[in-house]
Amino acid sequence: MTHSLHRHGTVENLREDYVVFAIAAQTVNAKGKAPVFGEFFKIVNKYKPVFCGDMKTGNVLAVGLDAIADGHQDNSIVHAVYTDKNTVAQVLNELRQADLGLSIVVSGLLDHVDTCCGQAGLKRHTIEHSLGIHGNTKRLPKDQVLEISTMCGHGMVAFNLITHMVDEIKAGKKTPVQAADELAAQCHCGIVNPARAAKLLQLMAG
C-alpha cells in the first residue's frame, strides 16, 4: 500500500512512527471479511495506538471508536499508529496467533520492522520503498512541513494549516498536542501520528 509509504523525516524522528494496518484481497477473499476487520481492530486497540481509523468510516478523532468498530465493511482498510517498535512486535505476535486471513502491512524504518517481525516469529515477504519526490521540488514547502503533511498519504493535511497551527502555538492559542490533534483529524484513514506531529510542531514553534 502506498498511502503510508512517503513519510518524510529523519531517522531520529521516524523511530517513533509505525503504522500497522489490515486489508483483504478485494477480488479473492474480501467477501464476508467485515467481522474479521472487527477482530483486527480489537487486537490493535488493546495496545493503545496513538491514532487509528478505517478508511470506510473515518478516524477516531472525527467519528470515535464506536463508529469505527460498528462500521467495518468487507473492503475496509483498518489502521493503527504506534510510537515504539516493542509494542508493534507485540501487536504482530498476537495477529500471527489470531491468523485472521488478512494482509498485514507495517510501515516504518525497515530494520526496525524486521526486528518486530523477528520478535513476533514472522518473516516479511515484501518490501515497498518510496523513491522520494521528483520534479520541481523548489515549489515544495520546508522539510519541517513535509514531515507532518506526508503522514497523511492522501494529502488531506494542508501545508497552510500546518503553518497556521505553528502560529497558533506561538500565540499561545493552542498547545502542540491540541494543534497536532486538529491536523490528525483531517486524515480520514487515521494514519497521522499525532504524538510525533506534536513534537515536530513544538520544534517549529521554537
N, C-alpha and C. Protein backbone atom coordinates (compact mmCIF):
# COMPACT_ATOMS: atom_id res chain seq x y z
N MET A 1 0.85 -1.19 0.00
CA MET A 1 0.00 0.00 0.00
C MET A 1 0.88 1.24 0.00
N THR A 2 0.53 2.21 -0.79
CA THR A 2 1.40 3.36 -0.96
C THR A 2 1.03 4.56 -0.09
N HIS A 3 -0.14 4.57 0.53
CA HIS A 3 -0.54 5.79 1.23
C HIS A 3 0.22 6.00 2.53
N SER A 4 0.91 5.02 3.04
CA SER A 4 1.72 5.19 4.25
C SER A 4 3.22 5.16 3.94
N LEU A 5 3.55 5.21 2.66
CA LEU A 5 4.91 4.92 2.22
C LEU A 5 5.81 6.14 2.14
N HIS A 6 5.25 7.32 2.11
CA HIS A 6 6.04 8.50 1.75
C HIS A 6 6.33 9.42 2.94
N ARG A 7 6.38 8.87 4.13
CA ARG A 7 6.60 9.68 5.33
C ARG A 7 7.99 10.29 5.29
N HIS A 8 8.01 11.60 5.37
CA HIS A 8 9.24 12.39 5.26
C HIS A 8 9.77 12.59 6.67
N GLY A 9 11.08 12.47 6.84
CA GLY A 9 11.63 12.71 8.17
C GLY A 9 13.05 12.24 8.32
N THR A 10 13.55 12.35 9.53
CA THR A 10 14.89 11.88 9.86
C THR A 10 14.79 10.51 10.50
N VAL A 11 15.90 9.81 10.53
CA VAL A 11 15.92 8.51 11.21
C VAL A 11 15.50 8.69 12.66
N GLU A 12 15.94 9.78 13.27
CA GLU A 12 15.64 10.01 14.69
C GLU A 12 14.13 10.15 14.93
N ASN A 13 13.44 10.99 14.13
CA ASN A 13 12.02 11.17 14.45
C ASN A 13 11.13 10.09 13.84
N LEU A 14 11.66 9.30 12.92
CA LEU A 14 10.89 8.17 12.39
C LEU A 14 11.01 6.93 13.29
N ARG A 15 11.88 7.00 14.29
CA ARG A 15 11.99 5.88 15.23
C ARG A 15 10.73 5.74 16.08
N GLU A 16 9.90 6.76 16.07
CA GLU A 16 8.67 6.74 16.88
C GLU A 16 7.43 6.81 16.00
N ASP A 17 7.48 6.12 14.87
CA ASP A 17 6.38 6.23 13.90
C ASP A 17 6.19 4.92 13.14
N TYR A 18 5.15 4.19 13.50
CA TYR A 18 4.85 2.90 12.87
C TYR A 18 3.35 2.80 12.59
N VAL A 19 3.01 2.37 11.40
CA VAL A 19 1.61 2.16 11.04
C VAL A 19 1.41 0.67 10.79
N VAL A 20 0.42 0.10 11.45
CA VAL A 20 0.05 -1.32 11.24
C VAL A 20 -1.37 -1.31 10.69
N PHE A 21 -1.55 -1.95 9.54
CA PHE A 21 -2.92 -1.97 9.02
C PHE A 21 -3.23 -3.28 8.30
N ALA A 22 -4.52 -3.49 8.10
CA ALA A 22 -5.01 -4.75 7.53
C ALA A 22 -5.89 -4.46 6.32
N ILE A 23 -5.77 -5.34 5.33
CA ILE A 23 -6.56 -5.23 4.11
C ILE A 23 -6.82 -6.64 3.58
N ALA A 24 -7.96 -6.82 2.95
CA ALA A 24 -8.27 -8.09 2.30
C ALA A 24 -7.96 -7.99 0.81
N ALA A 25 -7.75 -9.13 0.16
CA ALA A 25 -7.56 -9.16 -1.29
C ALA A 25 -8.93 -9.00 -1.94
N GLN A 26 -9.15 -7.85 -2.56
CA GLN A 26 -10.50 -7.44 -2.94
C GLN A 26 -11.22 -8.43 -3.87
N THR A 27 -10.52 -9.07 -4.76
CA THR A 27 -11.18 -9.99 -5.69
C THR A 27 -10.98 -11.46 -5.31
N VAL A 28 -10.38 -11.69 -4.14
CA VAL A 28 -10.05 -13.06 -3.74
C VAL A 28 -10.78 -13.48 -2.47
N ASN A 29 -10.56 -12.74 -1.37
CA ASN A 29 -11.12 -13.21 -0.10
C ASN A 29 -11.80 -12.10 0.71
N ALA A 30 -12.20 -11.01 0.05
CA ALA A 30 -12.79 -9.89 0.79
C ALA A 30 -14.22 -10.17 1.26
N LYS A 31 -14.96 -10.97 0.52
CA LYS A 31 -16.36 -11.20 0.86
C LYS A 31 -16.50 -11.80 2.26
N GLY A 32 -17.31 -11.14 3.07
CA GLY A 32 -17.56 -11.63 4.42
C GLY A 32 -16.51 -11.26 5.44
N LYS A 33 -15.57 -10.38 5.09
CA LYS A 33 -14.46 -10.06 5.97
C LYS A 33 -14.77 -8.93 6.97
N ALA A 34 -15.92 -8.30 6.88
CA ALA A 34 -16.22 -7.20 7.81
C ALA A 34 -16.04 -7.60 9.28
N PRO A 35 -16.58 -8.74 9.73
CA PRO A 35 -16.38 -9.13 11.14
C PRO A 35 -14.92 -9.39 11.48
N VAL A 36 -14.15 -9.85 10.50
CA VAL A 36 -12.74 -10.13 10.73
C VAL A 36 -11.97 -8.84 10.95
N PHE A 37 -12.35 -7.79 10.21
CA PHE A 37 -11.74 -6.49 10.47
C PHE A 37 -12.06 -6.03 11.90
N GLY A 38 -13.23 -6.40 12.37
CA GLY A 38 -13.57 -6.10 13.76
C GLY A 38 -12.62 -6.76 14.73
N GLU A 39 -12.25 -8.02 14.45
CA GLU A 39 -11.30 -8.72 15.31
C GLU A 39 -9.93 -8.05 15.26
N PHE A 40 -9.51 -7.66 14.07
CA PHE A 40 -8.25 -6.93 13.93
C PHE A 40 -8.28 -5.65 14.76
N PHE A 41 -9.38 -4.92 14.67
CA PHE A 41 -9.50 -3.65 15.37
C PHE A 41 -9.43 -3.85 16.89
N LYS A 42 -10.05 -4.91 17.38
CA LYS A 42 -9.98 -5.21 18.82
C LYS A 42 -8.54 -5.47 19.25
N ILE A 43 -7.83 -6.23 18.44
CA ILE A 43 -6.44 -6.57 18.80
C ILE A 43 -5.56 -5.33 18.82
N VAL A 44 -5.60 -4.54 17.75
CA VAL A 44 -4.69 -3.38 17.70
C VAL A 44 -5.02 -2.36 18.79
N ASN A 45 -6.30 -2.26 19.17
CA ASN A 45 -6.66 -1.28 20.19
C ASN A 45 -6.30 -1.73 21.60
N LYS A 46 -6.06 -3.02 21.79
CA LYS A 46 -5.57 -3.49 23.09
C LYS A 46 -4.24 -2.85 23.43
N TYR A 47 -3.48 -2.48 22.41
CA TYR A 47 -2.12 -1.97 22.62
C TYR A 47 -2.05 -0.45 22.52
N LYS A 48 -3.19 0.20 22.67
CA LYS A 48 -3.29 1.65 22.82
C LYS A 48 -2.53 2.43 21.73
N PRO A 49 -2.98 2.32 20.50
CA PRO A 49 -2.37 3.13 19.44
C PRO A 49 -2.60 4.62 19.69
N VAL A 50 -1.70 5.45 19.17
CA VAL A 50 -1.87 6.90 19.33
C VAL A 50 -2.88 7.45 18.33
N PHE A 51 -3.22 6.66 17.33
CA PHE A 51 -4.24 7.07 16.36
C PHE A 51 -4.72 5.82 15.63
N CYS A 52 -5.94 5.86 15.14
CA CYS A 52 -6.46 4.71 14.41
C CYS A 52 -7.63 5.15 13.55
N GLY A 53 -8.03 4.27 12.63
CA GLY A 53 -9.17 4.59 11.77
C GLY A 53 -9.45 3.49 10.78
N ASP A 54 -10.54 3.65 10.08
CA ASP A 54 -10.95 2.75 9.00
C ASP A 54 -11.26 3.63 7.80
N MET A 55 -10.63 3.33 6.67
CA MET A 55 -10.81 4.22 5.51
C MET A 55 -12.25 4.27 5.02
N LYS A 56 -13.10 3.34 5.44
CA LYS A 56 -14.51 3.38 5.05
C LYS A 56 -15.34 4.24 6.00
N THR A 57 -14.83 4.47 7.20
CA THR A 57 -15.63 5.15 8.23
C THR A 57 -15.03 6.49 8.64
N GLY A 58 -13.72 6.53 8.85
CA GLY A 58 -13.05 7.73 9.31
C GLY A 58 -12.11 7.42 10.45
N ASN A 59 -11.50 8.47 11.00
CA ASN A 59 -10.54 8.27 12.08
C ASN A 59 -11.20 8.49 13.44
N VAL A 60 -10.47 8.12 14.49
CA VAL A 60 -11.04 8.13 15.83
C VAL A 60 -11.37 9.54 16.31
N LEU A 61 -10.61 10.54 15.90
CA LEU A 61 -10.91 11.91 16.32
C LEU A 61 -12.16 12.45 15.62
N ALA A 62 -12.40 12.00 14.42
CA ALA A 62 -13.53 12.51 13.65
C ALA A 62 -14.84 11.80 13.98
N VAL A 63 -14.77 10.47 14.17
CA VAL A 63 -16.02 9.72 14.33
C VAL A 63 -16.11 8.92 15.64
N GLY A 64 -14.98 8.72 16.31
CA GLY A 64 -14.98 7.97 17.56
C GLY A 64 -14.76 6.47 17.38
N LEU A 65 -14.32 5.82 18.44
CA LEU A 65 -14.02 4.39 18.39
C LEU A 65 -15.24 3.55 18.07
N ASP A 66 -16.37 3.87 18.68
CA ASP A 66 -17.57 3.05 18.48
C ASP A 66 -18.02 3.05 17.03
N ALA A 67 -17.98 4.21 16.38
CA ALA A 67 -18.40 4.29 14.99
C ALA A 67 -17.47 3.46 14.09
N ILE A 68 -16.19 3.49 14.40
CA ILE A 68 -15.25 2.68 13.62
C ILE A 68 -15.54 1.19 13.83
N ALA A 69 -15.70 0.80 15.10
CA ALA A 69 -15.94 -0.62 15.42
C ALA A 69 -17.23 -1.13 14.80
N ASP A 70 -18.23 -0.26 14.68
CA ASP A 70 -19.53 -0.67 14.12
C ASP A 70 -19.59 -0.53 12.60
N GLY A 71 -18.58 0.09 12.00
CA GLY A 71 -18.68 0.44 10.59
C GLY A 71 -17.81 -0.34 9.63
N HIS A 72 -17.17 -1.41 10.11
CA HIS A 72 -16.30 -2.17 9.22
C HIS A 72 -17.07 -2.78 8.06
N GLN A 73 -16.46 -2.77 6.89
CA GLN A 73 -17.05 -3.35 5.69
C GLN A 73 -16.08 -4.37 5.09
N ASP A 74 -16.57 -5.13 4.14
CA ASP A 74 -15.71 -6.15 3.53
C ASP A 74 -14.49 -5.55 2.84
N ASN A 75 -14.61 -4.32 2.37
CA ASN A 75 -13.49 -3.67 1.68
C ASN A 75 -12.84 -2.59 2.53
N SER A 76 -12.92 -2.73 3.85
CA SER A 76 -12.26 -1.80 4.75
C SER A 76 -10.74 -1.90 4.64
N ILE A 77 -10.07 -0.84 5.08
CA ILE A 77 -8.64 -0.89 5.39
C ILE A 77 -8.53 -0.25 6.76
N VAL A 78 -8.10 -1.01 7.74
CA VAL A 78 -8.12 -0.57 9.14
C VAL A 78 -6.70 -0.31 9.60
N HIS A 79 -6.49 0.84 10.24
CA HIS A 79 -5.15 1.30 10.59
C HIS A 79 -4.99 1.57 12.07
N ALA A 80 -3.76 1.39 12.55
CA ALA A 80 -3.40 1.77 13.92
C ALA A 80 -1.96 2.29 13.90
N VAL A 81 -1.70 3.35 14.66
CA VAL A 81 -0.38 4.00 14.67
C VAL A 81 0.23 3.85 16.06
N TYR A 82 1.50 3.48 16.09
CA TYR A 82 2.22 3.29 17.35
C TYR A 82 3.52 4.08 17.33
N THR A 83 4.08 4.26 18.54
CA THR A 83 5.28 5.08 18.66
C THR A 83 6.52 4.28 19.05
N ASP A 84 6.39 2.98 19.30
CA ASP A 84 7.59 2.21 19.66
C ASP A 84 7.52 0.81 19.07
N LYS A 85 8.69 0.31 18.71
CA LYS A 85 8.76 -0.96 17.99
C LYS A 85 8.42 -2.15 18.88
N ASN A 86 8.64 -2.06 20.18
CA ASN A 86 8.31 -3.19 21.05
C ASN A 86 6.81 -3.44 21.08
N THR A 87 6.03 -2.37 21.08
CA THR A 87 4.58 -2.52 21.02
C THR A 87 4.17 -3.13 19.68
N VAL A 88 4.80 -2.67 18.59
CA VAL A 88 4.49 -3.23 17.27
C VAL A 88 4.77 -4.72 17.26
N ALA A 89 5.88 -5.14 17.86
CA ALA A 89 6.20 -6.57 17.90
C ALA A 89 5.12 -7.35 18.65
N GLN A 90 4.61 -6.80 19.74
CA GLN A 90 3.54 -7.47 20.49
C GLN A 90 2.27 -7.56 19.65
N VAL A 91 1.94 -6.49 18.95
CA VAL A 91 0.77 -6.49 18.08
C VAL A 91 0.90 -7.57 17.01
N LEU A 92 2.05 -7.62 16.36
CA LEU A 92 2.27 -8.60 15.30
C LEU A 92 2.22 -10.03 15.84
N ASN A 93 2.73 -10.22 17.03
CA ASN A 93 2.69 -11.56 17.62
C ASN A 93 1.26 -12.02 17.84
N GLU A 94 0.41 -11.12 18.36
CA GLU A 94 -0.98 -11.50 18.58
C GLU A 94 -1.72 -11.69 17.26
N LEU A 95 -1.40 -10.87 16.27
CA LEU A 95 -2.03 -11.04 14.96
C LEU A 95 -1.61 -12.36 14.32
N ARG A 96 -0.35 -12.74 14.51
CA ARG A 96 0.11 -14.04 13.99
C ARG A 96 -0.70 -15.16 14.61
N GLN A 97 -0.89 -15.10 15.92
CA GLN A 97 -1.65 -16.15 16.61
C GLN A 97 -3.11 -16.15 16.17
N ALA A 98 -3.66 -14.97 15.92
CA ALA A 98 -5.07 -14.89 15.52
C ALA A 98 -5.29 -15.42 14.12
N ASP A 99 -4.31 -15.29 13.24
CA ASP A 99 -4.38 -15.82 11.87
C ASP A 99 -5.71 -15.45 11.21
N LEU A 100 -5.91 -14.16 11.02
CA LEU A 100 -7.20 -13.64 10.57
C LEU A 100 -7.46 -13.81 9.08
N GLY A 101 -6.45 -14.14 8.31
CA GLY A 101 -6.64 -14.27 6.88
C GLY A 101 -6.66 -12.93 6.16
N LEU A 102 -6.08 -11.91 6.79
CA LEU A 102 -5.95 -10.58 6.19
C LEU A 102 -4.49 -10.31 5.88
N SER A 103 -4.25 -9.45 4.92
CA SER A 103 -2.89 -8.98 4.68
C SER A 103 -2.56 -7.91 5.72
N ILE A 104 -1.43 -8.08 6.39
CA ILE A 104 -0.99 -7.13 7.42
C ILE A 104 0.23 -6.38 6.89
N VAL A 105 0.13 -5.06 6.90
CA VAL A 105 1.19 -4.20 6.40
C VAL A 105 1.73 -3.36 7.55
N VAL A 106 3.05 -3.24 7.63
CA VAL A 106 3.68 -2.40 8.64
C VAL A 106 4.55 -1.38 7.94
N SER A 107 4.33 -0.10 8.23
CA SER A 107 5.18 0.96 7.71
C SER A 107 6.08 1.46 8.83
N GLY A 108 7.36 1.62 8.50
CA GLY A 108 8.31 2.11 9.48
C GLY A 108 9.72 1.92 8.95
N LEU A 109 10.71 2.28 9.74
CA LEU A 109 12.10 2.05 9.35
C LEU A 109 12.31 0.56 9.14
N LEU A 110 12.92 0.21 8.01
CA LEU A 110 12.97 -1.20 7.60
C LEU A 110 13.65 -2.09 8.64
N ASP A 111 14.78 -1.65 9.18
CA ASP A 111 15.47 -2.52 10.15
C ASP A 111 14.63 -2.70 11.41
N HIS A 112 13.87 -1.67 11.79
CA HIS A 112 13.01 -1.79 12.96
C HIS A 112 11.85 -2.75 12.67
N VAL A 113 11.27 -2.64 11.49
CA VAL A 113 10.16 -3.53 11.14
C VAL A 113 10.65 -4.97 11.08
N ASP A 114 11.84 -5.18 10.54
CA ASP A 114 12.40 -6.53 10.51
C ASP A 114 12.56 -7.08 11.93
N THR A 115 13.04 -6.24 12.84
CA THR A 115 13.19 -6.66 14.23
C THR A 115 11.84 -7.04 14.83
N CYS A 116 10.83 -6.23 14.58
CA CYS A 116 9.48 -6.52 15.08
C CYS A 116 8.98 -7.86 14.55
N CYS A 117 9.17 -8.09 13.27
CA CYS A 117 8.73 -9.35 12.67
C CYS A 117 9.45 -10.53 13.33
N GLY A 118 10.76 -10.40 13.51
CA GLY A 118 11.53 -11.47 14.12
C GLY A 118 11.06 -11.77 15.53
N GLN A 119 10.78 -10.74 16.32
CA GLN A 119 10.31 -10.93 17.69
C GLN A 119 8.94 -11.60 17.72
N ALA A 120 8.16 -11.39 16.65
CA ALA A 120 6.82 -11.98 16.58
C ALA A 120 6.82 -13.34 15.90
N GLY A 121 7.99 -13.84 15.53
CA GLY A 121 8.06 -15.13 14.86
C GLY A 121 7.64 -15.09 13.41
N LEU A 122 7.81 -13.93 12.79
CA LEU A 122 7.41 -13.74 11.40
C LEU A 122 8.61 -13.36 10.55
N LYS A 123 8.48 -13.60 9.26
CA LYS A 123 9.48 -13.14 8.30
C LYS A 123 8.76 -12.38 7.21
N ARG A 124 9.14 -11.12 6.99
CA ARG A 124 8.47 -10.32 5.97
C ARG A 124 8.72 -10.94 4.59
N HIS A 125 7.74 -10.78 3.72
CA HIS A 125 7.90 -11.35 2.38
C HIS A 125 7.89 -10.28 1.30
N THR A 126 7.64 -9.03 1.66
CA THR A 126 7.56 -7.97 0.66
C THR A 126 8.14 -6.68 1.26
N ILE A 127 8.88 -5.94 0.45
CA ILE A 127 9.34 -4.61 0.83
C ILE A 127 8.90 -3.63 -0.24
N GLU A 128 8.36 -2.51 0.20
CA GLU A 128 7.99 -1.47 -0.76
C GLU A 128 8.66 -0.18 -0.32
N HIS A 129 9.40 0.44 -1.23
CA HIS A 129 10.14 1.66 -0.92
C HIS A 129 9.56 2.84 -1.70
N SER A 130 9.59 4.01 -1.08
CA SER A 130 9.31 5.24 -1.80
C SER A 130 10.59 5.73 -2.46
N LEU A 131 10.50 6.19 -3.68
CA LEU A 131 11.66 6.72 -4.39
C LEU A 131 11.83 8.22 -4.17
N GLY A 132 11.04 8.79 -3.28
CA GLY A 132 11.17 10.20 -2.97
C GLY A 132 10.31 11.08 -3.85
N ILE A 133 10.54 12.37 -3.78
CA ILE A 133 9.76 13.35 -4.52
C ILE A 133 10.60 13.88 -5.67
N HIS A 134 10.07 13.83 -6.88
CA HIS A 134 10.80 14.26 -8.06
C HIS A 134 10.07 15.42 -8.74
N GLY A 135 10.77 16.10 -9.61
CA GLY A 135 10.17 17.24 -10.31
C GLY A 135 10.70 18.55 -9.75
N ASN A 136 9.90 19.58 -9.83
CA ASN A 136 10.31 20.91 -9.39
C ASN A 136 10.13 21.02 -7.87
N THR A 137 11.07 20.43 -7.15
CA THR A 137 10.93 20.35 -5.69
C THR A 137 11.09 21.71 -5.01
N LYS A 138 11.55 22.72 -5.75
CA LYS A 138 11.67 24.06 -5.17
C LYS A 138 10.29 24.63 -4.80
N ARG A 139 9.26 24.06 -5.37
CA ARG A 139 7.91 24.56 -5.09
C ARG A 139 7.32 23.94 -3.82
N LEU A 140 8.03 22.98 -3.25
CA LEU A 140 7.55 22.32 -2.05
C LEU A 140 7.79 23.21 -0.82
N PRO A 141 7.01 22.98 0.23
CA PRO A 141 7.27 23.72 1.47
C PRO A 141 8.53 23.19 2.15
N LYS A 142 8.85 23.77 3.29
CA LYS A 142 10.04 23.36 4.04
C LYS A 142 9.92 21.91 4.50
N ASP A 143 11.07 21.30 4.72
CA ASP A 143 11.09 19.90 5.17
C ASP A 143 10.26 19.70 6.43
N GLN A 144 10.29 20.66 7.35
CA GLN A 144 9.53 20.52 8.60
C GLN A 144 8.04 20.38 8.33
N VAL A 145 7.54 21.10 7.34
CA VAL A 145 6.12 20.99 6.98
C VAL A 145 5.86 19.63 6.33
N LEU A 146 6.76 19.20 5.47
CA LEU A 146 6.59 17.91 4.81
C LEU A 146 6.61 16.75 5.80
N GLU A 147 7.39 16.89 6.85
CA GLU A 147 7.44 15.82 7.85
C GLU A 147 6.07 15.57 8.46
N ILE A 148 5.26 16.61 8.56
CA ILE A 148 3.91 16.45 9.09
C ILE A 148 2.92 16.10 7.99
N SER A 149 2.95 16.82 6.88
CA SER A 149 1.94 16.61 5.83
C SER A 149 2.01 15.22 5.23
N THR A 150 3.20 14.66 5.10
CA THR A 150 3.32 13.34 4.46
C THR A 150 2.87 12.19 5.36
N MET A 151 2.57 12.50 6.61
CA MET A 151 1.99 11.44 7.45
C MET A 151 0.59 11.09 7.00
N CYS A 152 -0.08 11.99 6.27
CA CYS A 152 -1.36 11.67 5.64
C CYS A 152 -1.09 11.37 4.18
N GLY A 153 -1.11 10.12 3.82
CA GLY A 153 -0.71 9.72 2.48
C GLY A 153 -1.65 10.19 1.38
N HIS A 154 -2.84 10.65 1.74
CA HIS A 154 -3.77 11.16 0.74
C HIS A 154 -3.77 12.68 0.66
N GLY A 155 -2.81 13.31 1.32
CA GLY A 155 -2.63 14.76 1.19
C GLY A 155 -3.74 15.59 1.80
N MET A 156 -4.38 15.10 2.87
CA MET A 156 -5.51 15.82 3.45
C MET A 156 -5.11 16.79 4.56
N VAL A 157 -3.82 16.78 4.92
CA VAL A 157 -3.32 17.74 5.91
C VAL A 157 -2.62 18.86 5.14
N ALA A 158 -3.27 19.98 5.00
CA ALA A 158 -2.80 21.06 4.13
C ALA A 158 -1.56 21.74 4.70
N PHE A 159 -0.66 22.13 3.78
CA PHE A 159 0.56 22.83 4.17
C PHE A 159 0.23 24.08 4.99
N ASN A 160 -0.70 24.89 4.49
CA ASN A 160 -1.01 26.15 5.17
C ASN A 160 -1.66 25.93 6.53
N LEU A 161 -2.38 24.83 6.69
CA LEU A 161 -2.96 24.54 8.00
C LEU A 161 -1.85 24.23 9.01
N ILE A 162 -0.83 23.55 8.55
CA ILE A 162 0.30 23.24 9.43
C ILE A 162 0.98 24.52 9.91
N THR A 163 1.27 25.42 8.97
CA THR A 163 1.92 26.67 9.37
C THR A 163 1.00 27.52 10.24
N HIS A 164 -0.31 27.44 9.98
CA HIS A 164 -1.27 28.15 10.84
C HIS A 164 -1.23 27.60 12.26
N MET A 165 -1.14 26.28 12.40
CA MET A 165 -1.07 25.68 13.73
C MET A 165 0.20 26.12 14.46
N VAL A 166 1.29 26.25 13.72
CA VAL A 166 2.53 26.76 14.34
C VAL A 166 2.31 28.17 14.87
N ASP A 167 1.65 29.01 14.08
CA ASP A 167 1.34 30.37 14.52
C ASP A 167 0.44 30.36 15.75
N GLU A 168 -0.53 29.45 15.79
CA GLU A 168 -1.42 29.34 16.94
C GLU A 168 -0.66 28.95 18.21
N ILE A 169 0.31 28.06 18.05
CA ILE A 169 1.14 27.66 19.20
C ILE A 169 1.98 28.84 19.68
N LYS A 170 2.61 29.54 18.74
CA LYS A 170 3.42 30.70 19.10
C LYS A 170 2.61 31.76 19.82
N ALA A 171 1.35 31.91 19.42
CA ALA A 171 0.47 32.92 20.03
C ALA A 171 -0.14 32.45 21.35
N GLY A 172 0.13 31.21 21.72
CA GLY A 172 -0.43 30.67 22.96
C GLY A 172 -1.88 30.28 22.87
N LYS A 173 -2.41 30.18 21.66
CA LYS A 173 -3.82 29.83 21.48
C LYS A 173 -4.06 28.32 21.48
N LYS A 174 -3.01 27.57 21.18
CA LYS A 174 -3.12 26.12 21.18
C LYS A 174 -1.84 25.52 21.73
N THR A 175 -1.96 24.38 22.38
CA THR A 175 -0.78 23.62 22.76
C THR A 175 -0.36 22.78 21.55
N PRO A 176 0.88 22.29 21.53
CA PRO A 176 1.29 21.41 20.43
C PRO A 176 0.40 20.18 20.30
N VAL A 177 -0.06 19.64 21.42
CA VAL A 177 -0.93 18.46 21.38
C VAL A 177 -2.28 18.81 20.74
N GLN A 178 -2.86 19.94 21.11
CA GLN A 178 -4.13 20.36 20.51
C GLN A 178 -3.97 20.60 19.01
N ALA A 179 -2.89 21.24 18.65
CA ALA A 179 -2.63 21.52 17.22
C ALA A 179 -2.43 20.23 16.45
N ALA A 180 -1.69 19.30 17.03
CA ALA A 180 -1.45 18.01 16.37
C ALA A 180 -2.75 17.25 16.17
N ASP A 181 -3.63 17.27 17.16
CA ASP A 181 -4.91 16.58 17.04
C ASP A 181 -5.77 17.21 15.94
N GLU A 182 -5.73 18.53 15.83
CA GLU A 182 -6.51 19.18 14.78
C GLU A 182 -6.02 18.78 13.40
N LEU A 183 -4.70 18.66 13.27
CA LEU A 183 -4.14 18.22 11.99
C LEU A 183 -4.48 16.75 11.73
N ALA A 184 -4.32 15.91 12.74
CA ALA A 184 -4.57 14.48 12.57
C ALA A 184 -6.02 14.21 12.19
N ALA A 185 -6.93 15.01 12.71
CA ALA A 185 -8.35 14.80 12.43
C ALA A 185 -8.68 14.93 10.95
N GLN A 186 -7.82 15.61 10.20
CA GLN A 186 -8.05 15.78 8.76
C GLN A 186 -7.76 14.50 7.97
N CYS A 187 -6.99 13.59 8.57
CA CYS A 187 -6.56 12.37 7.87
C CYS A 187 -7.64 11.30 8.01
N HIS A 188 -8.42 11.11 6.97
CA HIS A 188 -9.60 10.23 7.03
C HIS A 188 -9.23 8.81 7.45
N CYS A 189 -8.14 8.28 6.93
CA CYS A 189 -7.77 6.89 7.22
C CYS A 189 -7.27 6.68 8.64
N GLY A 190 -6.74 7.74 9.25
CA GLY A 190 -6.23 7.61 10.61
C GLY A 190 -4.79 7.15 10.69
N ILE A 191 -3.93 7.62 9.77
CA ILE A 191 -2.53 7.18 9.82
C ILE A 191 -1.55 8.28 10.21
N VAL A 192 -2.04 9.48 10.48
CA VAL A 192 -1.15 10.51 11.03
C VAL A 192 -0.75 10.09 12.45
N ASN A 193 0.48 10.40 12.82
CA ASN A 193 0.97 10.12 14.17
C ASN A 193 0.93 11.42 14.96
N PRO A 194 -0.13 11.66 15.76
CA PRO A 194 -0.25 12.94 16.45
C PRO A 194 0.83 13.16 17.51
N ALA A 195 1.35 12.09 18.09
CA ALA A 195 2.42 12.24 19.07
C ALA A 195 3.68 12.78 18.41
N ARG A 196 4.02 12.22 17.26
CA ARG A 196 5.18 12.73 16.51
C ARG A 196 4.90 14.13 15.99
N ALA A 197 3.69 14.37 15.51
CA ALA A 197 3.34 15.69 14.99
C ALA A 197 3.46 16.76 16.06
N ALA A 198 3.06 16.46 17.29
CA ALA A 198 3.15 17.44 18.37
C ALA A 198 4.60 17.83 18.63
N LYS A 199 5.49 16.87 18.61
CA LYS A 199 6.91 17.17 18.81
C LYS A 199 7.46 18.01 17.67
N LEU A 200 7.06 17.70 16.45
CA LEU A 200 7.54 18.46 15.30
C LEU A 200 7.00 19.89 15.33
N LEU A 201 5.74 20.05 15.71
CA LEU A 201 5.14 21.38 15.81
C LEU A 201 5.84 22.21 16.89
N GLN A 202 6.16 21.57 18.00
CA GLN A 202 6.86 22.27 19.08
C GLN A 202 8.21 22.81 18.59
N LEU A 203 8.92 21.98 17.83
CA LEU A 203 10.21 22.42 17.28
C LEU A 203 10.03 23.58 16.30
N MET A 204 9.00 23.49 15.48
CA MET A 204 8.75 24.55 14.51
C MET A 204 8.37 25.87 15.19
N ALA A 205 7.67 25.75 16.30
CA ALA A 205 7.23 26.94 17.02
C ALA A 205 8.35 27.55 17.86
N GLY A 206 9.44 26.80 18.01
CA GLY A 206 10.57 27.31 18.79
C GLY A 206 10.30 27.25 20.26
